[in-house]
Protein backbone atom coordinates (compact mmCIF):
# COMPACT_ATOMS: atom_id res chain seq x y z
CA MET A 1 -1.35 -12.85 -6.82
CA ASN A 2 2.31 -13.25 -5.96
CA HIS A 3 4.11 -11.41 -3.20
CA LYS A 4 6.04 -9.10 -5.54
CA LEU A 5 2.95 -7.76 -7.28
CA ALA A 6 1.19 -7.34 -3.93
CA GLY A 7 4.20 -5.48 -2.60
CA ARG A 8 4.24 -3.12 -5.58
CA ILE A 9 0.52 -2.44 -5.24
CA PHE A 10 0.99 -1.86 -1.51
CA ASN A 11 3.82 0.62 -2.06
CA TYR A 12 2.35 2.54 -4.98
CA ALA A 13 -1.25 2.75 -3.72
CA THR A 14 -0.14 3.90 -0.30
CA VAL A 15 2.14 6.60 -1.72
CA CYS A 16 -0.43 7.73 -4.31
CA GLY A 17 -3.20 7.88 -1.68
CA ALA A 18 -1.01 9.96 0.60
CA MET A 19 -0.05 12.26 -2.29
CA ILE A 20 -3.71 12.79 -3.21
CA ILE A 21 -4.50 13.71 0.41
CA LEU A 22 -1.52 16.04 0.63
CA LEU A 23 -2.29 17.78 -2.67
CA ALA A 24 -5.96 18.13 -1.72
CA VAL A 25 -5.07 19.83 1.53
CA LEU A 26 -2.47 22.09 -0.08
CA TYR A 27 -4.42 22.95 -3.27
CA TYR A 28 -7.88 23.59 -1.83
CA SER A 29 -7.45 26.24 0.82
CA ASP A 30 -11.14 26.79 1.58
CA TYR A 31 -11.80 23.19 2.79
CA GLY A 32 -14.97 22.83 0.81
CA ALA A 33 -16.68 19.71 -0.45
CA ALA A 34 -13.99 19.10 -3.11
CA THR A 35 -11.33 18.88 -0.41
CA TYR A 36 -13.26 16.31 1.57
CA ILE A 37 -14.00 14.26 -1.52
CA ALA A 38 -10.35 14.27 -2.57
CA ILE A 39 -9.26 13.31 0.96
CA ALA A 40 -11.80 10.48 1.01
CA VAL A 41 -10.62 9.21 -2.40
CA GLY A 42 -6.99 9.34 -1.26
CA ALA A 43 -7.84 7.52 1.95
CA VAL A 44 -9.71 4.78 0.08
CA ILE A 45 -6.80 4.27 -2.33
CA ALA A 46 -4.30 4.12 0.55
CA ALA A 47 -6.52 1.75 2.57
CA ALA A 48 -6.98 -0.54 -0.45
CA GLY A 49 -3.21 -0.63 -0.93
CA VAL A 50 -2.64 -1.49 2.71
CA PHE A 51 -5.32 -4.19 2.58
CA ILE A 52 -3.91 -5.80 -0.57
CA GLY A 53 -0.38 -5.62 0.79
CA TYR A 54 -1.32 -7.09 4.12
CA LYS A 55 -3.44 -9.85 2.61
CA TYR A 56 -1.17 -10.96 -0.26
CA ALA A 57 2.44 -9.84 0.45
CA ARG A 58 3.20 -13.03 2.38
CA CYS A 59 5.54 -15.96 2.15
CA PRO A 60 3.87 -18.75 0.19
CA LYS A 61 5.15 -21.41 2.62
CA CYS A 62 4.83 -19.99 6.14
CA SER A 63 2.45 -17.04 5.42
CA LYS A 64 4.65 -14.49 7.22
CA PHE A 65 3.93 -10.88 6.24
CA LEU A 66 6.85 -9.58 4.18
CA GLY A 67 6.03 -5.89 4.62
CA ILE A 68 7.12 -3.07 2.38
CA MET A 69 10.19 -5.05 1.34
CA ALA A 70 8.08 -7.72 -0.39
CA THR A 71 9.41 -6.73 -3.79
CA LYS A 72 13.05 -7.00 -2.66
CA GLU A 73 12.94 -10.15 -0.54
CA ARG A 74 14.56 -13.23 -2.07
CA ILE A 75 14.47 -15.41 1.08
CA CYS A 76 11.76 -15.45 3.74
CA PRO A 77 13.13 -14.04 7.00
CA LYS A 78 11.12 -16.52 9.08
CA CYS A 79 11.43 -19.89 7.33
CA ASP A 80 14.47 -19.25 5.07
CA THR A 81 12.61 -20.47 1.99
CA GLU A 82 13.53 -19.03 -1.36
CA LEU A 83 10.75 -16.85 -2.70
């Protein structure tokens, strides 16, 4: 998996997980089982996105974490290698 795909997965999964959590809290006002299930699903999606981003959004040469800008980076900020 290249750093650009990992960066996209990191960004989209984190945002989608947070949106699911936010919508679950706003939509279900009684805080029943459905709310907790939706919050858990959102948290798992967000955690998976963070894990994939942290594991794979790295420079192929020096292995520096590129962060949320992994899709925009053209040159590694640490080793100045072209990505």
